[in-house]
Amino acid sequence: MHGLDFVLTAMDRVMEVAHNKLPEDTLGDKVYLVSYYKELNNSKGTFAISGSNKALFEVTYNGDTDEMYVDMYNDKEQTVYKG
């Protein structure tokens, strides 16, 4: 699964995970593709959802095992270093 097929399936999985893990009042109705690349039999994409949830999702498809993984990252804290 690669290209548009991967992106569309990943968007569905991202929305599914978001609805199961995040408060409904922080979710929008759009999923955005931030980045995508394919290497050998694997595809990987980074996605974001509209709304105030500040979560990023990394979706990986392993073509060797025909498995898709969804990792969710929340922006809980930011540390700034100068210079």
Protein backbone atom coordinates (compact mmCIF):
# COMPACT_ATOMS: atom_id res chain seq x y z
CA MET A 1 0.00 0.00 0.00
CA HIS A 2 1.67 3.17 -1.18
CA GLY A 3 0.91 6.62 -2.55
CA LEU A 4 -2.67 7.85 -2.47
CA ASP A 5 -3.97 4.51 -1.18
CA PHE A 6 -1.68 4.77 1.84
CA VAL A 7 -2.52 8.43 2.50
CA LEU A 8 -6.30 7.91 2.38
CA THR A 9 -6.18 4.80 4.58
CA ALA A 10 -3.83 6.51 7.03
CA MET A 11 -6.15 9.52 7.28
CA ASP A 12 -9.02 7.20 8.22
CA ARG A 13 -6.88 5.47 10.87
CA VAL A 14 -5.70 8.81 12.28
CA MET A 15 -9.27 10.00 12.71
CA GLU A 16 -10.21 6.68 14.34
CA VAL A 17 -7.33 6.89 16.84
CA ALA A 18 -8.03 10.57 17.55
CA HIS A 19 -11.69 9.90 18.34
CA ASN A 20 -10.67 7.09 20.70
CA LYS A 21 -7.86 8.94 22.50
CA LEU A 22 -8.61 12.69 22.47
CA PRO A 23 -11.49 14.74 23.92
CA GLU A 24 -14.21 15.27 21.31
CA ASP A 25 -14.35 19.03 21.95
CA THR A 26 -10.71 19.38 20.77
CA LEU A 27 -11.20 17.62 17.43
CA GLY A 28 -11.89 19.20 14.09
CA ASP A 29 -13.20 17.41 11.02
CA LYS A 30 -10.14 17.63 8.75
CA VAL A 31 -6.94 15.56 8.61
CA TYR A 32 -3.89 17.22 7.06
CA LEU A 33 -0.93 15.45 5.48
CA VAL A 34 2.25 17.10 6.77
CA SER A 35 4.83 14.82 5.14
CA TYR A 36 5.01 11.52 3.28
CA TYR A 37 7.74 9.27 1.99
CA LYS A 38 8.16 5.73 0.70
CA GLU A 39 11.27 3.62 1.09
CA LEU A 40 11.49 0.06 -0.25
CA ASN A 41 8.27 -1.68 0.91
CA ASN A 42 7.47 0.87 3.63
CA SER A 43 5.47 4.10 3.64
CA LYS A 44 5.48 6.73 6.36
CA GLY A 45 3.43 9.87 6.84
CA THR A 46 2.97 12.60 9.40
CA PHE A 47 -0.56 13.92 9.89
CA ALA A 48 -2.36 16.59 11.93
CA ILE A 49 -6.05 17.12 12.71
CA SER A 50 -7.82 20.46 12.71
CA GLY A 51 -8.97 21.67 16.11
CA SER A 52 -7.24 22.64 19.33
CA ASN A 53 -5.76 19.22 20.18
CA LYS A 54 -2.15 19.99 19.07
CA ALA A 55 -1.54 16.30 18.35
CA LEU A 56 0.61 14.94 15.54
CA PHE A 57 0.27 11.43 14.18
CA GLU A 58 2.95 9.33 12.56
CA VAL A 59 1.64 6.47 10.43
CA THR A 60 3.92 3.71 9.19
CA TYR A 61 3.00 0.93 6.79
CA ASN A 62 5.29 -2.11 6.83
CA GLY A 63 4.92 -3.74 3.42
CA ASP A 64 6.79 -6.87 4.50
CA THR A 65 4.27 -7.71 7.24
CA ASP A 66 1.24 -5.84 5.78
CA GLU A 67 0.81 -3.93 9.06
CA MET A 68 0.05 -0.27 9.75
CA TYR A 69 1.17 1.49 12.92
CA VAL A 70 -0.24 4.78 14.23
CA ASP A 71 1.74 6.77 16.82
CA MET A 72 0.25 9.87 18.42
CA TYR A 73 2.35 12.72 19.81
CA ASN A 74 0.87 15.45 22.03
CA ASP A 75 2.44 18.87 22.48
CA LYS A 76 2.37 19.02 26.28
CA GLU A 77 5.41 21.14 26.88
CA GLN A 78 7.94 23.17 24.95
CA THR A 79 11.47 23.89 26.11
CA VAL A 80 13.36 26.75 24.46
CA TYR A 81 17.14 26.94 24.31
CA LYS A 82 18.87 30.14 23.17
CA GLY A 83 22.15 30.36 21.32
